[in-house]
Amino acid sequence: MSELLLAALERVSPRVRRLVIAVGVLLALGVVMAALTLSTTHVGYERRPAPQRPTASGSQHISPRRLPPPVSTGQLALARGVGERFLGGYLRFAYGRGSALAVSGMTPALRRRLQLRERARLTPVERRRRPRVVSLQTIGTTPTFVVATAVIDDGGVTTYRLRFTLQPEADRWAVSSVAEG
């Protein structure tokens, strides 16, 4: 049988011969990998739960210790409200319908950066778009830092994300940075 295969391979072009050999090697590797995978699978293996130490009351159940959230639920709601107000003014500013002074809820440093940029350079098509916030998600990462991600739909081809951070400033939350992505 192998002599017949070798004779057939000698009659085809060198290019086809290399292709047939490569396919044969790949098939052989697949068989070897399948055999190795089956040999490392433990058939009949039972997973047993880790033994638990008894507690002082004699109960076997130990609940994991939960850490408090980095930002309380109330503070996160306040930060979200500031983020929503910020987005209203910022989107008007970004689409050329407002000034940086009209954007509320941001730090003085961010306000200065936006004023330096002042007006966005938009095409007439972009200027006609009406952006709206599809969703806003806020995550407290540390007690003094909240990351917010807004999904914006302006009627273009696709939605985009606007990510900004909030930090407490003078007993209130304020947006400290903005980035697309």
Protein backbone atom coordinates (compact mmCIF):
# COMPACT_ATOMS: atom_id res chain seq x y z
CA MET A 1 0.00 0.00 0.00
CA SER A 2 2.79 2.43 0.89
CA GLU A 3 4.54 1.61 -2.40
CA LEU A 4 1.38 2.51 -4.27
CA LEU A 5 1.16 5.87 -2.43
CA LEU A 6 4.84 6.63 -3.10
CA ALA A 7 4.40 5.84 -6.80
CA ALA A 8 1.36 8.14 -6.97
CA LEU A 9 3.30 10.95 -5.24
CA GLU A 10 6.17 10.65 -7.72
CA ARG A 11 3.79 11.24 -10.64
CA VAL A 12 2.37 14.57 -9.31
CA SER A 13 4.07 17.95 -9.44
CA PRO A 14 6.44 18.94 -6.61
CA ARG A 15 3.99 21.62 -5.47
CA VAL A 16 1.11 19.14 -5.02
CA ARG A 17 3.51 16.66 -3.39
CA ARG A 18 4.48 19.26 -0.73
CA LEU A 19 0.81 20.04 -0.11
CA VAL A 20 -0.09 16.36 0.35
CA ILE A 21 2.84 15.85 2.73
CA ALA A 22 1.88 18.95 4.74
CA VAL A 23 -1.72 17.75 5.08
CA GLY A 24 -0.48 14.32 6.19
CA VAL A 25 1.78 15.87 8.84
CA LEU A 26 -1.09 18.04 10.15
CA LEU A 27 -3.40 15.04 10.37
CA ALA A 28 -0.75 13.07 12.25
CA LEU A 29 -0.26 15.98 14.69
CA GLY A 30 -4.03 16.13 15.23
CA VAL A 31 -4.16 12.44 16.10
CA VAL A 32 -1.23 12.81 18.54
CA MET A 33 -2.82 15.86 20.21
CA ALA A 34 -6.15 14.04 20.56
CA ALA A 35 -4.40 11.06 22.14
CA LEU A 36 -2.55 13.31 24.58
CA THR A 37 -5.74 15.12 25.53
CA LEU A 38 -7.54 11.86 26.23
CA SER A 39 -4.66 10.53 28.31
CA THR A 40 -4.63 13.64 30.55
CA THR A 41 -8.40 13.53 31.18
CA HIS A 42 -9.09 11.70 34.39
CA VAL A 43 -12.00 9.40 33.71
CA GLY A 44 -13.96 8.50 36.82
CA TYR A 45 -12.33 11.26 38.90
CA GLU A 46 -14.63 12.67 41.56
CA ARG A 47 -14.09 16.18 42.74
CA ARG A 48 -14.52 16.42 46.47
CA PRO A 49 -15.11 19.71 48.23
CA ALA A 50 -12.28 20.99 50.38
CA PRO A 51 -12.73 20.08 54.02
CA GLN A 52 -14.10 22.92 56.12
CA ARG A 53 -12.91 23.72 59.57
CA PRO A 54 -15.59 23.84 62.23
CA THR A 55 -16.33 27.27 63.65
CA ALA A 56 -16.64 28.14 67.31
CA SER A 57 -20.35 27.33 67.23
CA GLY A 58 -19.65 23.91 65.72
CA SER A 59 -21.15 24.77 62.33
CA GLN A 60 -19.31 23.58 59.20
CA HIS A 61 -20.31 26.61 57.07
CA ILE A 62 -17.78 29.43 56.73
CA SER A 63 -18.94 32.49 54.80
CA PRO A 64 -16.35 34.57 52.98
CA ARG A 65 -15.51 37.92 54.47
CA ARG A 66 -16.99 40.69 52.37
CA LEU A 67 -15.13 43.94 52.03
CA PRO A 68 -17.12 47.15 52.01
CA PRO A 69 -17.52 48.72 48.57
CA PRO A 70 -14.93 51.40 47.78
CA VAL A 71 -17.69 53.97 47.24
CA SER A 72 -20.99 53.78 49.10
CA THR A 73 -24.19 53.32 47.13
CA GLY A 74 -25.34 56.82 48.07
CA GLN A 75 -22.07 58.42 46.97
CA LEU A 76 -22.13 56.43 43.74
CA ALA A 77 -25.66 57.75 43.03
CA LEU A 78 -24.43 61.32 43.67
CA ALA A 79 -21.48 60.78 41.31
CA ARG A 80 -23.81 59.37 38.66
CA GLY A 81 -26.06 62.43 38.92
CA VAL A 82 -23.05 64.73 38.44
CA GLY A 83 -22.01 62.59 35.46
CA GLU A 84 -25.46 62.90 33.86
CA ARG A 85 -25.46 66.71 34.25
CA PHE A 86 -21.90 66.87 32.92
CA LEU A 87 -22.81 64.82 29.83
CA GLY A 88 -25.69 67.15 28.97
CA GLY A 89 -23.40 70.18 28.75
CA TYR A 90 -20.35 68.35 27.43
CA LEU A 91 -22.21 66.84 24.46
CA ARG A 92 -23.59 70.27 23.52
CA PHE A 93 -20.01 71.61 23.73
CA ALA A 94 -18.52 68.70 21.74
CA TYR A 95 -21.06 69.13 18.94
CA GLY A 96 -20.52 72.88 18.68
CA ARG A 97 -23.74 74.01 20.37
CA GLY A 98 -22.35 75.35 23.64
CA SER A 99 -19.26 76.69 25.35
CA ALA A 100 -16.97 75.09 27.89
CA LEU A 101 -18.30 77.53 30.49
CA ALA A 102 -21.78 76.02 30.16
CA VAL A 103 -20.56 72.52 31.09
CA SER A 104 -21.28 71.83 34.77
CA GLY A 105 -19.83 69.37 37.25
CA MET A 106 -16.16 69.39 36.31
CA THR A 107 -12.91 70.35 37.98
CA PRO A 108 -11.31 73.74 37.25
CA ALA A 109 -8.36 71.97 35.58
CA LEU A 110 -10.65 70.16 33.12
CA ARG A 111 -12.56 73.39 32.47
CA ARG A 112 -9.27 75.14 31.57
CA ARG A 113 -8.33 72.31 29.18
CA LEU A 114 -11.72 72.50 27.47
CA GLN A 115 -11.54 76.30 27.20
CA LEU A 116 -8.15 76.04 25.52
CA ARG A 117 -9.70 73.73 22.95
CA GLU A 118 -12.82 75.96 22.93
CA ARG A 119 -14.69 74.92 19.79
CA ALA A 120 -14.70 71.48 18.24
CA ARG A 121 -13.96 71.38 14.51
CA LEU A 122 -16.93 69.59 13.03
CA THR A 123 -18.06 68.83 9.53
CA PRO A 124 -21.54 70.08 8.57
CA VAL A 125 -22.85 66.50 8.82
CA GLU A 126 -21.46 66.07 12.35
CA ARG A 127 -22.88 69.45 13.39
CA ARG A 128 -26.41 68.32 12.40
CA ARG A 129 -26.24 65.19 14.58
CA ARG A 130 -28.18 65.05 17.84
CA PRO A 131 -26.23 63.06 20.43
CA ARG A 132 -28.06 61.19 23.17
CA VAL A 133 -26.84 59.07 26.05
CA VAL A 134 -27.88 55.45 25.54
CA SER A 135 -26.43 54.19 28.83
CA LEU A 136 -24.26 55.37 31.70
CA GLN A 137 -22.37 53.02 33.98
CA THR A 138 -20.47 54.16 37.07
CA ILE A 139 -17.98 52.05 39.01
CA GLY A 140 -16.38 53.10 42.28
CA THR A 141 -12.78 51.93 42.20
CA THR A 142 -11.46 53.62 45.35
CA PRO A 143 -13.16 55.81 47.96
CA THR A 144 -12.05 58.88 46.00
CA PHE A 145 -12.30 57.73 42.38
CA VAL A 146 -15.27 56.76 40.19
CA VAL A 147 -14.99 55.68 36.55
CA ALA A 148 -18.00 56.33 34.33
CA THR A 149 -18.62 55.01 30.84
CA ALA A 150 -21.37 56.45 28.67
CA VAL A 151 -22.55 55.00 25.37
CA ILE A 152 -23.46 57.82 22.98
CA ASP A 153 -25.64 57.54 19.88
CA ASP A 154 -25.50 60.57 17.60
CA GLY A 155 -27.29 59.06 14.61
CA GLY A 156 -24.02 58.16 12.90
CA VAL A 157 -22.99 54.75 11.67
CA THR A 158 -22.30 53.39 15.15
CA THR A 159 -22.47 54.33 18.81
CA TYR A 160 -19.33 55.29 20.68
CA ARG A 161 -18.13 55.25 24.26
CA LEU A 162 -17.16 58.25 26.31
CA ARG A 163 -15.18 57.46 29.45
CA PHE A 164 -14.68 59.96 32.24
CA THR A 165 -13.53 59.96 35.83
CA LEU A 166 -15.05 61.65 38.86
CA GLN A 167 -13.27 62.67 42.05
CA PRO A 168 -14.55 64.41 45.17
CA GLU A 169 -13.73 68.09 45.25
CA ALA A 170 -14.95 70.50 47.94
CA ASP A 171 -17.55 68.04 49.33
CA ARG A 172 -19.00 67.18 45.91
CA TRP A 173 -18.14 64.94 42.97
CA ALA A 174 -16.58 66.53 39.89
CA VAL A 175 -15.46 65.17 36.51
CA SER A 176 -11.67 65.32 36.35
CA SER A 177 -10.90 63.78 32.93
CA VAL A 178 -12.64 62.77 29.72
CA ALA A 179 -11.52 60.34 27.02
CA GLU A 180 -13.17 58.55 24.14
CA GLY A 181 -12.98 54.80 24.19
